């Protein structure tokens, strides 16, 4: 199952990233009548403006993947740093741990979609989407990493490093991070899935960026004509679902193996 999921995920990512080079037409070129059925000139048919659905799908991959990956990495990196620091602080001062985690708990109470809309109101465009997803992801990552690191902070090598007077960067990066690398990578996978959903939602709501058509944009544009051209709607939905399912399967497998190592 792990190998199959990895193969499917790799195929989707490579095809999506190389999509603009593989597309037979541009994303805006009209190649036939609106809602044409799939045929030799348009393997997935045409949309409401006669544009090739396959070409638009291939052109829409890079904005979704690059934005989602940047947001997931930023959120997971911030959450991992805060989670490790909270676990280290909590072993000695509960108040210090609370000072790190309570503001994140307040942020986690906000629905991610609301965070997305509020952030995009001030920072429209792809940069705003990355920031919004990172803000929504950080509290969850911090809690996951804090729970993974809490049993480790009392180990002998950590105590020895503290006794030697090692600084916080050393303690977090050299003493704790290697032992929670598995959960951290699994969490990154979860944040990536969350980012895919929120980035797609941003495109669906019309925040994909001027002149940029991603999979969320394709979904909302295909809805009115779904009865006439179902593939125009089904194709981007299937790609988003495939990414989410395969990444979830790999993250679950990685988390299971990392637990066995830590045990």
Protein backbone atom coordinates (compact mmCIF):
# COMPACT_ATOMS: atom_id res chain seq x y z
CA UNK A 1 0.00 0.00 0.00
CA UNK A 2 2.81 2.41 0.90
CA UNK A 3 4.60 1.87 -2.41
CA UNK A 4 1.40 2.20 -4.41
CA UNK A 5 0.48 5.44 -2.65
CA UNK A 6 4.00 6.81 -3.15
CA UNK A 7 3.94 5.91 -6.85
CA UNK A 8 0.55 7.55 -7.41
CA UNK A 9 1.59 10.65 -5.45
CA UNK A 10 4.85 10.97 -7.37
CA UNK A 11 3.04 10.59 -10.70
CA UNK A 12 0.50 13.28 -9.82
CA UNK A 13 3.13 15.72 -8.52
CA UNK A 14 5.51 15.27 -11.47
CA UNK A 15 2.69 15.56 -14.00
CA UNK A 16 1.28 18.62 -12.26
CA UNK A 17 4.64 20.41 -12.00
CA UNK A 18 5.50 19.67 -15.63
CA UNK A 19 1.94 20.38 -16.71
CA UNK A 20 2.56 23.67 -18.55
CA UNK A 21 5.20 21.94 -20.68
CA UNK A 22 2.96 18.93 -21.37
CA UNK A 23 -0.22 20.83 -22.13
CA UNK A 24 -1.20 20.73 -25.81
CA UNK A 25 -2.72 24.22 -25.62
CA UNK A 26 -2.50 27.34 -23.49
CA UNK A 27 -4.89 27.76 -20.59
CA UNK A 28 -6.87 30.48 -22.39
CA UNK A 29 -6.90 29.21 -25.98
CA UNK A 30 -10.29 28.30 -27.46
CA UNK A 31 -10.03 24.98 -29.29
CA UNK A 32 -13.68 24.20 -30.06
CA UNK A 33 -17.31 24.78 -29.23
CA UNK A 34 -18.30 25.12 -25.56
CA UNK A 35 -18.94 21.86 -23.70
CA UNK A 36 -17.58 19.66 -26.45
CA UNK A 37 -17.41 15.99 -25.50
CA UNK A 38 -13.98 14.33 -25.13
CA UNK A 39 -12.35 13.60 -28.47
CA UNK A 40 -9.02 13.50 -30.33
CA UNK A 41 -8.55 17.28 -30.22
CA UNK A 42 -9.54 17.61 -26.56
CA UNK A 43 -9.08 14.43 -24.54
CA UNK A 44 -11.19 15.76 -21.64
CA UNK A 45 -13.46 17.92 -23.76
CA UNK A 46 -13.87 21.69 -23.58
CA UNK A 47 -15.25 24.04 -20.95
CA UNK A 48 -17.90 26.76 -21.10
CA UNK A 49 -15.66 28.95 -23.29
CA UNK A 50 -14.41 26.18 -25.56
CA UNK A 51 -11.02 25.88 -23.82
CA UNK A 52 -9.27 22.54 -23.56
CA UNK A 53 -10.01 21.07 -20.11
CA UNK A 54 -6.85 18.94 -20.08
CA UNK A 55 -4.63 21.92 -20.88
CA UNK A 56 -6.26 24.05 -18.18
CA UNK A 57 -5.86 21.20 -15.72
CA UNK A 58 -2.16 20.86 -16.50
CA UNK A 59 -1.57 24.61 -16.28
CA UNK A 60 -3.43 24.76 -12.96
CA UNK A 61 -1.18 22.27 -11.15
CA UNK A 62 1.96 24.33 -10.33
CA UNK A 63 0.12 27.20 -8.56
CA UNK A 64 -1.65 24.74 -6.25
CA UNK A 65 1.37 22.56 -5.49
CA UNK A 66 3.96 25.32 -5.02
CA UNK A 67 1.67 27.45 -2.86
CA UNK A 68 0.56 24.46 -0.77
CA UNK A 69 4.10 23.19 -0.24
CA UNK A 70 5.41 26.65 0.75
CA UNK A 71 2.53 27.14 3.21
CA UNK A 72 2.89 23.64 4.69
CA UNK A 73 6.64 24.00 5.18
CA UNK A 74 6.29 27.43 6.78
CA UNK A 75 3.52 26.33 9.14
CA UNK A 76 5.18 23.04 10.05
CA UNK A 77 8.55 24.72 10.64
CA UNK A 78 7.00 27.32 12.95
CA UNK A 79 4.91 24.71 14.74
CA UNK A 80 7.84 22.33 15.19
CA UNK A 81 10.03 25.08 16.65
CA UNK A 82 7.34 26.23 19.07
CA UNK A 83 6.36 22.67 19.99
CA UNK A 84 9.94 21.67 20.81
CA UNK A 85 10.49 24.85 22.81
CA UNK A 86 7.23 24.28 24.71
CA UNK A 87 8.19 20.69 25.58
CA UNK A 88 11.59 21.83 26.79
CA UNK A 89 10.15 24.70 28.81
CA UNK A 90 7.32 22.57 30.21
CA UNK A 91 9.77 20.15 31.80
CA UNK A 92 10.87 22.95 34.13
CA UNK A 93 8.33 25.75 34.11
CA UNK A 94 4.69 25.08 33.30
CA UNK A 95 4.01 28.79 32.97
CA UNK A 96 6.64 29.15 30.26
CA UNK A 97 5.01 26.35 28.30
CA UNK A 98 1.61 27.99 28.70
CA UNK A 99 2.99 31.32 27.48
CA UNK A 100 4.07 29.61 24.26
CA UNK A 101 0.98 27.49 23.63
CA UNK A 102 -1.98 29.55 24.88
CA UNK A 103 -1.82 32.16 22.08
CA UNK A 104 -1.72 29.30 19.58
CA UNK A 105 -4.73 27.68 21.24
CA UNK A 106 -6.63 30.92 20.69
CA UNK A 107 -5.62 30.95 17.03
CA UNK A 108 -6.62 27.28 16.67
CA UNK A 109 -10.15 28.17 17.82
CA UNK A 110 -10.69 30.07 14.56
CA UNK A 111 -11.89 27.99 11.60
CA UNK A 112 -9.12 27.73 8.98
CA UNK A 113 -11.39 29.13 6.27
CA UNK A 114 -12.08 32.21 8.40
CA UNK A 115 -8.32 32.67 8.92
CA UNK A 116 -7.91 32.43 5.15
CA UNK A 117 -10.55 35.08 4.45
CA UNK A 118 -9.30 37.46 7.13
CA UNK A 119 -5.70 37.20 5.96
CA UNK A 120 -6.57 37.63 2.28
CA UNK A 121 -8.53 40.77 3.15
CA UNK A 122 -5.22 42.38 4.13
CA UNK A 123 -2.75 40.43 1.97
CA UNK A 124 -4.40 39.40 -1.30
CA UNK A 125 -2.62 37.08 -3.71
CA UNK A 126 -0.46 33.99 -3.33
CA UNK A 127 1.64 35.44 -0.51
CA UNK A 128 -1.52 35.99 1.52
CA UNK A 129 -2.65 32.41 0.90
CA UNK A 130 0.71 31.07 2.09
CA UNK A 131 0.57 33.24 5.21
CA UNK A 132 -3.03 32.26 5.98
CA UNK A 133 -2.40 28.54 5.65
CA UNK A 134 0.76 28.82 7.76
CA UNK A 135 -1.16 30.66 10.50
CA UNK A 136 -3.87 28.00 10.49
CA UNK A 137 -1.32 25.15 10.50
CA UNK A 138 1.10 26.34 13.18
CA UNK A 139 -1.07 25.68 16.28
CA UNK A 140 -1.82 22.12 15.20
CA UNK A 141 1.81 21.37 14.39
CA UNK A 142 2.97 22.82 17.71
CA UNK A 143 0.60 20.59 19.68
CA UNK A 144 1.62 17.45 17.76
CA UNK A 145 5.34 18.09 18.16
CA UNK A 146 5.02 19.10 21.80
CA UNK A 147 3.26 15.80 22.56
CA UNK A 148 5.96 13.85 20.69
CA UNK A 149 8.84 15.67 22.38
CA UNK A 150 7.51 15.74 25.96
CA UNK A 151 8.67 12.17 26.83
CA UNK A 152 12.13 12.89 25.41
CA UNK A 153 13.15 16.07 27.20
CA UNK A 154 14.04 14.15 30.36
CA UNK A 155 16.49 11.80 28.67
CA UNK A 156 20.10 11.75 29.73
CA UNK A 157 21.61 13.28 26.60
CA UNK A 158 19.25 16.27 26.86
CA UNK A 159 20.07 16.77 30.53
CA UNK A 160 23.78 16.51 29.73
CA UNK A 161 23.48 19.13 26.99
CA UNK A 162 21.69 21.47 29.38
CA UNK A 163 24.38 20.89 32.01
CA UNK A 164 27.07 21.76 29.44
CA UNK A 165 25.34 25.08 28.88
CA UNK A 166 24.22 24.44 25.29
CA UNK A 167 22.00 27.13 23.83
CA UNK A 168 18.38 26.77 22.75
CA UNK A 169 19.16 26.27 19.02
CA UNK A 170 21.47 23.36 19.88
CA UNK A 171 18.95 21.78 22.25
CA UNK A 172 16.12 22.02 19.76
CA UNK A 173 18.01 21.17 16.59
CA UNK A 174 20.56 18.61 17.79
CA UNK A 175 19.09 16.98 20.89
CA UNK A 176 15.33 16.92 20.30
CA UNK A 177 14.58 17.31 16.59
CA UNK A 178 16.34 14.11 15.40
CA UNK A 179 14.20 12.05 17.81
CA UNK A 180 10.91 13.54 16.61
CA UNK A 181 11.84 13.70 12.91
CA UNK A 182 9.32 10.97 12.05
CA UNK A 183 6.34 12.66 13.70
CA UNK A 184 7.51 16.01 12.30
CA UNK A 185 7.54 14.66 8.74
CA UNK A 186 4.19 12.97 9.25
CA UNK A 187 2.81 16.25 10.55
CA UNK A 188 4.24 18.04 7.51
CA UNK A 189 2.22 15.64 5.36
CA UNK A 190 -0.93 16.54 7.28
CA UNK A 191 -0.21 20.24 6.91
CA UNK A 192 0.33 19.73 3.18
CA UNK A 193 -3.11 18.11 2.86
CA UNK A 194 -4.63 20.98 4.81
CA UNK A 195 -2.79 23.44 2.57
CA UNK A 196 -4.07 21.71 -0.59
CA UNK A 197 -7.64 22.06 0.67
CA UNK A 198 -7.27 25.70 1.68
CA UNK A 199 -5.41 26.71 -1.48
CA UNK A 200 -8.10 25.01 -3.55
CA UNK A 201 -10.75 26.80 -1.48
CA UNK A 202 -9.01 30.12 -2.15
CA UNK A 203 -9.17 29.48 -5.89
CA UNK A 204 -12.78 28.36 -5.55
CA UNK A 205 -13.59 31.67 -3.82
CA UNK A 206 -11.77 33.69 -6.46
CA UNK A 207 -8.55 34.45 -4.57
CA UNK A 208 -6.24 32.44 -6.79
CA UNK A 209 -4.43 35.52 -8.05
CA UNK A 210 -4.96 37.65 -11.10
CA UNK A 211 -4.65 35.74 -14.33
CA UNK A 212 -3.90 32.46 -12.56
CA UNK A 213 -6.20 29.45 -12.97
CA UNK A 214 -5.63 26.72 -10.41
CA UNK A 215 -7.73 23.64 -9.66
CA UNK A 216 -10.02 25.54 -7.31
CA UNK A 217 -10.80 28.02 -10.06
CA UNK A 218 -11.51 25.18 -12.48
CA UNK A 219 -13.95 23.61 -10.02
CA UNK A 220 -16.03 26.75 -9.51
CA UNK A 221 -16.06 27.50 -13.24
CA UNK A 222 -17.16 23.96 -14.09
CA UNK A 223 -20.07 23.82 -11.64
CA UNK A 224 -22.72 25.57 -13.80
CA UNK A 225 -22.09 23.21 -16.72
CA UNK A 226 -21.48 20.02 -14.78
CA UNK A 227 -24.44 18.28 -16.46
CA UNK A 228 -23.11 19.12 -19.93
CA UNK A 229 -19.41 18.51 -19.27
CA UNK A 230 -18.93 16.42 -16.09
CA UNK A 231 -15.24 15.77 -16.76
CA UNK A 232 -14.42 19.47 -16.40
CA UNK A 233 -15.62 19.22 -12.79
CA UNK A 234 -14.58 15.66 -11.99
CA UNK A 235 -10.95 15.98 -13.14
CA UNK A 236 -9.75 18.71 -10.71
CA UNK A 237 -11.82 17.25 -7.85
CA UNK A 238 -10.23 13.83 -8.46
CA UNK A 239 -6.72 15.30 -8.47
CA UNK A 240 -7.27 17.15 -5.17
CA UNK A 241 -8.74 13.99 -3.62
CA UNK A 242 -5.87 11.84 -4.91
CA UNK A 243 -3.28 14.16 -3.40
CA UNK A 244 -5.05 14.18 -0.05
CA UNK A 245 -5.56 10.41 0.14
CA UNK A 246 -2.04 9.41 -0.90
CA UNK A 247 -0.31 11.91 1.39
CA UNK A 248 -2.52 10.81 4.30
CA UNK A 249 -1.64 7.16 3.71
CA UNK A 250 2.09 7.90 3.60
CA UNK A 251 1.92 10.15 6.67
CA UNK A 252 0.07 7.47 8.65
CA UNK A 253 2.66 4.85 7.68
CA UNK A 254 5.53 7.17 8.61
CA UNK A 255 3.95 7.97 11.97
CA UNK A 256 3.46 4.27 12.75
CA UNK A 257 7.09 3.47 11.98
CA UNK A 258 8.40 6.46 13.95
CA UNK A 259 6.41 5.35 17.02
CA UNK A 260 8.02 1.94 16.79
CA UNK A 261 11.47 3.54 16.70
CA UNK A 262 10.77 5.82 19.67
CA UNK A 263 9.37 2.92 21.67
